[in-house]
Amino acid sequence: MGEPLHEFLPELRRHHGIYVMRRTYEGTCAFLSGYELGSGHYFLKEFHSWLLFRKKGRPELFWPLLVLCEVYRDGSLPDIRYFTPEQDERMVAVLFDLLGEFFNAAGKPEAVGD
């Protein structure tokens, strides 16, 4: 089993391009889904619930879309397949920030060195 994401997140942030083939928001979300399955440390269901608690999106939305609701209005979410490099970079940063907040709220602070 791999290390829990809250411990690995600082490394992923620093060396994003090493772990994610395409440094896009879509690619990063896919990596996180795979990391959860491969590591056996399940966090995305709780992350989804935590995002819902922030009341910025509808409960039927998948967690990557709820992250988008932090920046875009729920009724006008862009299609992540057509993001510009700037949109990808911004949303990956938002995602990492939200994951950090989520783990801190859960009492699992990110490892030192973030």
N, C-alpha and C. Protein backbone atom coordinates (compact mmCIF):
# COMPACT_ATOMS: atom_id res chain seq x y z
N MET A 1 0.83 -1.18 0.00
CA MET A 1 0.00 0.00 0.00
C MET A 1 0.88 1.24 0.00
N GLY A 2 0.44 2.27 -0.73
CA GLY A 2 1.16 3.53 -0.76
C GLY A 2 0.84 4.38 0.45
N GLU A 3 1.56 5.50 0.55
CA GLU A 3 1.32 6.38 1.67
C GLU A 3 0.02 7.15 1.49
N PRO A 4 -0.61 7.56 2.57
CA PRO A 4 -1.84 8.34 2.47
C PRO A 4 -1.58 9.64 1.70
N LEU A 5 -2.58 10.12 0.98
CA LEU A 5 -2.40 11.30 0.16
C LEU A 5 -2.00 12.52 0.98
N HIS A 6 -2.50 12.66 2.20
CA HIS A 6 -2.14 13.84 2.98
C HIS A 6 -0.63 13.89 3.25
N GLU A 7 0.04 12.75 3.24
CA GLU A 7 1.49 12.72 3.40
C GLU A 7 2.20 12.92 2.07
N PHE A 8 1.59 12.45 1.00
CA PHE A 8 2.20 12.52 -0.33
C PHE A 8 1.93 13.85 -1.05
N LEU A 9 0.91 14.59 -0.63
CA LEU A 9 0.49 15.80 -1.33
C LEU A 9 1.61 16.82 -1.53
N PRO A 10 2.45 17.11 -0.53
CA PRO A 10 3.53 18.08 -0.78
C PRO A 10 4.48 17.62 -1.90
N GLU A 11 4.78 16.35 -1.95
CA GLU A 11 5.64 15.80 -3.01
C GLU A 11 4.95 15.94 -4.37
N LEU A 12 3.67 15.63 -4.42
CA LEU A 12 2.91 15.74 -5.66
C LEU A 12 2.89 17.19 -6.14
N ARG A 13 2.71 18.12 -5.24
CA ARG A 13 2.72 19.55 -5.60
C ARG A 13 4.07 19.96 -6.18
N ARG A 14 5.14 19.56 -5.52
CA ARG A 14 6.49 19.96 -5.96
C ARG A 14 6.88 19.33 -7.28
N HIS A 15 6.49 18.09 -7.50
CA HIS A 15 6.93 17.34 -8.68
C HIS A 15 5.74 16.84 -9.48
N HIS A 16 4.79 17.71 -9.69
CA HIS A 16 3.54 17.39 -10.37
C HIS A 16 3.78 16.68 -11.70
N GLY A 17 4.68 17.20 -12.51
CA GLY A 17 4.95 16.65 -13.84
C GLY A 17 5.56 15.27 -13.85
N ILE A 18 6.15 14.87 -12.75
CA ILE A 18 6.73 13.53 -12.67
C ILE A 18 5.63 12.48 -12.52
N TYR A 19 4.59 12.83 -11.78
CA TYR A 19 3.54 11.87 -11.44
C TYR A 19 2.35 11.89 -12.39
N VAL A 20 2.08 13.04 -12.98
CA VAL A 20 0.91 13.19 -13.84
C VAL A 20 1.39 13.37 -15.27
N MET A 21 1.01 12.43 -16.15
CA MET A 21 1.51 12.45 -17.52
C MET A 21 1.22 13.76 -18.23
N ARG A 22 -0.04 14.19 -18.15
CA ARG A 22 -0.42 15.48 -18.73
C ARG A 22 -0.78 16.38 -17.56
N ARG A 23 -0.03 17.45 -17.37
CA ARG A 23 -0.23 18.32 -16.22
C ARG A 23 -1.47 19.19 -16.39
N THR A 24 -2.58 18.54 -16.58
CA THR A 24 -3.85 19.24 -16.75
C THR A 24 -4.72 18.96 -15.52
N TYR A 25 -5.79 19.72 -15.41
CA TYR A 25 -6.74 19.48 -14.33
C TYR A 25 -7.34 18.09 -14.49
N GLU A 26 -7.74 17.76 -15.71
CA GLU A 26 -8.33 16.45 -15.98
C GLU A 26 -7.35 15.33 -15.63
N GLY A 27 -6.10 15.48 -16.05
CA GLY A 27 -5.08 14.47 -15.76
C GLY A 27 -4.80 14.34 -14.27
N THR A 28 -4.83 15.45 -13.56
CA THR A 28 -4.58 15.43 -12.13
C THR A 28 -5.72 14.75 -11.39
N CYS A 29 -6.96 15.02 -11.80
CA CYS A 29 -8.11 14.34 -11.18
C CYS A 29 -8.05 12.84 -11.44
N ALA A 30 -7.67 12.46 -12.64
CA ALA A 30 -7.54 11.03 -12.96
C ALA A 30 -6.45 10.39 -12.11
N PHE A 31 -5.32 11.09 -11.94
CA PHE A 31 -4.24 10.59 -11.11
C PHE A 31 -4.73 10.35 -9.68
N LEU A 32 -5.46 11.33 -9.13
CA LEU A 32 -5.94 11.20 -7.75
C LEU A 32 -6.90 10.03 -7.60
N SER A 33 -7.75 9.80 -8.58
CA SER A 33 -8.64 8.65 -8.53
C SER A 33 -7.84 7.36 -8.54
N GLY A 34 -6.84 7.30 -9.40
CA GLY A 34 -5.97 6.12 -9.45
C GLY A 34 -5.14 5.95 -8.20
N TYR A 35 -4.67 7.05 -7.64
CA TYR A 35 -3.88 6.99 -6.40
C TYR A 35 -4.72 6.40 -5.27
N GLU A 36 -5.96 6.85 -5.19
CA GLU A 36 -6.85 6.33 -4.15
C GLU A 36 -7.00 4.82 -4.29
N LEU A 37 -7.29 4.36 -5.49
CA LEU A 37 -7.47 2.92 -5.70
C LEU A 37 -6.19 2.14 -5.47
N GLY A 38 -5.08 2.67 -5.99
CA GLY A 38 -3.81 1.96 -5.89
C GLY A 38 -3.24 1.94 -4.48
N SER A 39 -3.47 3.00 -3.73
CA SER A 39 -2.88 3.09 -2.40
C SER A 39 -3.73 2.39 -1.34
N GLY A 40 -5.03 2.25 -1.63
CA GLY A 40 -5.93 1.68 -0.64
C GLY A 40 -6.32 2.67 0.45
N HIS A 41 -5.92 3.93 0.30
CA HIS A 41 -6.29 4.98 1.25
C HIS A 41 -7.41 5.79 0.62
N TYR A 42 -8.62 5.57 1.07
CA TYR A 42 -9.79 6.16 0.44
C TYR A 42 -10.09 7.52 1.07
N PHE A 43 -10.17 8.53 0.25
CA PHE A 43 -10.38 9.89 0.72
C PHE A 43 -11.34 10.68 -0.16
N LEU A 44 -11.61 10.24 -1.37
CA LEU A 44 -12.40 11.05 -2.29
C LEU A 44 -13.87 11.16 -1.90
N LYS A 45 -14.44 10.13 -1.29
CA LYS A 45 -15.84 10.22 -0.85
C LYS A 45 -15.97 11.29 0.23
N GLU A 46 -15.03 11.31 1.17
CA GLU A 46 -15.04 12.32 2.23
C GLU A 46 -14.74 13.70 1.67
N PHE A 47 -13.84 13.77 0.67
CA PHE A 47 -13.52 15.04 0.02
C PHE A 47 -14.77 15.59 -0.67
N HIS A 48 -15.51 14.71 -1.33
CA HIS A 48 -16.77 15.10 -1.98
C HIS A 48 -17.74 15.68 -0.95
N SER A 49 -17.90 15.00 0.16
CA SER A 49 -18.80 15.48 1.22
C SER A 49 -18.34 16.82 1.77
N TRP A 50 -17.04 16.97 1.95
CA TRP A 50 -16.48 18.22 2.46
C TRP A 50 -16.75 19.36 1.48
N LEU A 51 -16.59 19.08 0.19
CA LEU A 51 -16.87 20.11 -0.83
C LEU A 51 -18.35 20.50 -0.80
N LEU A 52 -19.22 19.53 -0.63
CA LEU A 52 -20.66 19.82 -0.56
C LEU A 52 -20.98 20.72 0.63
N PHE A 53 -20.30 20.51 1.73
CA PHE A 53 -20.52 21.31 2.92
C PHE A 53 -20.23 22.80 2.66
N ARG A 54 -19.38 23.08 1.67
CA ARG A 54 -19.02 24.46 1.33
C ARG A 54 -20.14 25.16 0.54
N LYS A 55 -21.13 24.37 0.09
CA LYS A 55 -22.35 24.89 -0.57
C LYS A 55 -22.07 25.72 -1.82
N LYS A 56 -21.14 25.24 -2.64
CA LYS A 56 -20.86 25.95 -3.89
C LYS A 56 -21.26 25.14 -5.11
N GLY A 57 -21.83 23.98 -4.91
CA GLY A 57 -22.26 23.14 -6.02
C GLY A 57 -23.36 22.18 -5.59
N ARG A 58 -23.95 21.54 -6.57
CA ARG A 58 -25.05 20.60 -6.32
C ARG A 58 -24.52 19.23 -5.91
N PRO A 59 -25.25 18.50 -5.06
CA PRO A 59 -24.77 17.22 -4.55
C PRO A 59 -24.59 16.14 -5.61
N GLU A 60 -25.28 16.26 -6.73
CA GLU A 60 -25.14 15.22 -7.75
C GLU A 60 -23.87 15.38 -8.59
N LEU A 61 -23.14 16.48 -8.40
CA LEU A 61 -21.91 16.69 -9.16
C LEU A 61 -20.78 15.83 -8.62
N PHE A 62 -19.98 15.33 -9.54
CA PHE A 62 -18.78 14.56 -9.24
C PHE A 62 -17.75 15.51 -8.60
N TRP A 63 -16.88 15.03 -7.72
CA TRP A 63 -15.97 15.91 -6.99
C TRP A 63 -15.15 16.83 -7.88
N PRO A 64 -14.65 16.41 -9.07
CA PRO A 64 -13.90 17.37 -9.89
C PRO A 64 -14.76 18.57 -10.32
N LEU A 65 -16.05 18.34 -10.51
CA LEU A 65 -16.93 19.45 -10.88
C LEU A 65 -17.22 20.34 -9.68
N LEU A 66 -17.29 19.75 -8.49
CA LEU A 66 -17.46 20.56 -7.29
C LEU A 66 -16.26 21.47 -7.06
N VAL A 67 -15.08 20.99 -7.39
CA VAL A 67 -13.89 21.84 -7.30
C VAL A 67 -14.02 23.01 -8.27
N LEU A 68 -14.51 22.74 -9.47
CA LEU A 68 -14.73 23.82 -10.44
C LEU A 68 -15.69 24.86 -9.90
N CYS A 69 -16.68 24.43 -9.11
CA CYS A 69 -17.67 25.35 -8.55
C CYS A 69 -17.04 26.35 -7.60
N GLU A 70 -15.82 26.11 -7.15
CA GLU A 70 -15.11 27.07 -6.31
C GLU A 70 -14.69 28.31 -7.12
N VAL A 71 -14.58 28.15 -8.43
CA VAL A 71 -14.12 29.24 -9.29
C VAL A 71 -15.20 29.70 -10.26
N TYR A 72 -15.96 28.74 -10.78
CA TYR A 72 -16.98 29.04 -11.78
C TYR A 72 -18.37 28.87 -11.17
N ARG A 73 -19.33 29.59 -11.71
CA ARG A 73 -20.72 29.42 -11.25
C ARG A 73 -21.22 28.03 -11.63
N ASP A 74 -21.99 27.44 -10.75
CA ASP A 74 -22.51 26.09 -10.93
C ASP A 74 -23.24 25.93 -12.27
N GLY A 75 -23.99 26.92 -12.68
CA GLY A 75 -24.77 26.81 -13.90
C GLY A 75 -23.98 27.00 -15.18
N SER A 76 -22.69 27.35 -15.06
CA SER A 76 -21.89 27.61 -16.26
C SER A 76 -20.50 27.00 -16.15
N LEU A 77 -20.46 25.74 -15.74
CA LEU A 77 -19.17 25.07 -15.59
C LEU A 77 -18.55 24.80 -16.96
N PRO A 78 -17.27 25.11 -17.14
CA PRO A 78 -16.63 24.84 -18.41
C PRO A 78 -16.32 23.35 -18.58
N ASP A 79 -16.12 22.95 -19.81
CA ASP A 79 -15.74 21.57 -20.12
C ASP A 79 -14.23 21.45 -19.94
N ILE A 80 -13.80 20.63 -18.99
CA ILE A 80 -12.37 20.54 -18.67
C ILE A 80 -11.54 19.99 -19.84
N ARG A 81 -12.17 19.35 -20.77
CA ARG A 81 -11.42 18.83 -21.93
C ARG A 81 -10.89 19.95 -22.81
N TYR A 82 -11.47 21.13 -22.68
CA TYR A 82 -11.09 22.25 -23.54
C TYR A 82 -10.46 23.40 -22.76
N PHE A 83 -9.92 23.11 -21.61
CA PHE A 83 -9.25 24.14 -20.82
C PHE A 83 -8.02 24.66 -21.55
N THR A 84 -7.77 25.94 -21.36
CA THR A 84 -6.50 26.51 -21.82
C THR A 84 -5.42 26.09 -20.82
N PRO A 85 -4.16 26.20 -21.18
CA PRO A 85 -3.11 25.90 -20.20
C PRO A 85 -3.24 26.74 -18.92
N GLU A 86 -3.67 27.98 -19.06
CA GLU A 86 -3.85 28.85 -17.89
C GLU A 86 -4.98 28.34 -16.99
N GLN A 87 -6.08 27.91 -17.59
CA GLN A 87 -7.19 27.36 -16.80
C GLN A 87 -6.75 26.08 -16.09
N ASP A 88 -6.02 25.23 -16.79
CA ASP A 88 -5.51 24.00 -16.16
C ASP A 88 -4.63 24.33 -14.97
N GLU A 89 -3.71 25.25 -15.16
CA GLU A 89 -2.78 25.62 -14.09
C GLU A 89 -3.54 26.18 -12.88
N ARG A 90 -4.50 27.05 -13.15
CA ARG A 90 -5.28 27.65 -12.06
C ARG A 90 -6.06 26.59 -11.30
N MET A 91 -6.74 25.70 -12.04
CA MET A 91 -7.59 24.71 -11.38
C MET A 91 -6.78 23.65 -10.64
N VAL A 92 -5.61 23.31 -11.14
CA VAL A 92 -4.75 22.37 -10.40
C VAL A 92 -4.33 23.02 -9.09
N ALA A 93 -3.98 24.30 -9.12
CA ALA A 93 -3.61 25.01 -7.89
C ALA A 93 -4.78 25.06 -6.92
N VAL A 94 -5.98 25.34 -7.42
CA VAL A 94 -7.18 25.36 -6.57
C VAL A 94 -7.41 23.98 -5.97
N LEU A 95 -7.28 22.94 -6.78
CA LEU A 95 -7.46 21.57 -6.29
C LEU A 95 -6.48 21.25 -5.17
N PHE A 96 -5.20 21.55 -5.37
CA PHE A 96 -4.21 21.27 -4.32
C PHE A 96 -4.51 22.07 -3.05
N ASP A 97 -4.92 23.32 -3.21
CA ASP A 97 -5.26 24.13 -2.04
C ASP A 97 -6.45 23.53 -1.29
N LEU A 98 -7.47 23.12 -2.03
CA LEU A 98 -8.65 22.52 -1.40
C LEU A 98 -8.31 21.21 -0.70
N LEU A 99 -7.48 20.39 -1.33
CA LEU A 99 -7.08 19.15 -0.67
C LEU A 99 -6.32 19.44 0.61
N GLY A 100 -5.45 20.44 0.59
CA GLY A 100 -4.74 20.83 1.80
C GLY A 100 -5.70 21.28 2.89
N GLU A 101 -6.68 22.11 2.54
CA GLU A 101 -7.69 22.55 3.51
C GLU A 101 -8.49 21.37 4.05
N PHE A 102 -8.86 20.46 3.15
CA PHE A 102 -9.63 19.28 3.53
C PHE A 102 -8.86 18.43 4.55
N PHE A 103 -7.60 18.15 4.26
CA PHE A 103 -6.82 17.33 5.18
C PHE A 103 -6.57 18.04 6.50
N ASN A 104 -6.37 19.35 6.46
CA ASN A 104 -6.20 20.11 7.71
C ASN A 104 -7.49 20.06 8.53
N ALA A 105 -8.63 20.20 7.88
CA ALA A 105 -9.91 20.15 8.58
C ALA A 105 -10.16 18.76 9.18
N ALA A 106 -9.61 17.74 8.53
CA ALA A 106 -9.79 16.36 9.00
C ALA A 106 -8.75 15.99 10.06
N GLY A 107 -7.89 16.97 10.42
CA GLY A 107 -6.86 16.69 11.42
C GLY A 107 -5.68 15.93 10.88
N LYS A 108 -5.49 16.01 9.56
CA LYS A 108 -4.36 15.34 8.92
C LYS A 108 -3.54 16.39 8.17
N PRO A 109 -2.79 17.20 8.89
CA PRO A 109 -2.04 18.25 8.21
C PRO A 109 -1.05 17.67 7.23
N GLU A 110 -0.81 18.43 6.19
CA GLU A 110 0.16 17.99 5.19
C GLU A 110 1.53 17.90 5.85
N ALA A 111 2.35 17.03 5.30
CA ALA A 111 3.69 16.87 5.82
C ALA A 111 4.46 18.18 5.69
N VAL A 112 5.43 18.39 6.55
CA VAL A 112 6.24 19.60 6.51
C VAL A 112 6.99 19.65 5.20
N GLY A 113 7.14 20.83 4.66
CA GLY A 113 7.88 20.99 3.42
C GLY A 113 6.98 21.37 2.27
N ASP A 114 5.74 21.70 2.53
CA ASP A 114 4.80 22.11 1.49
C ASP A 114 5.24 23.42 0.89
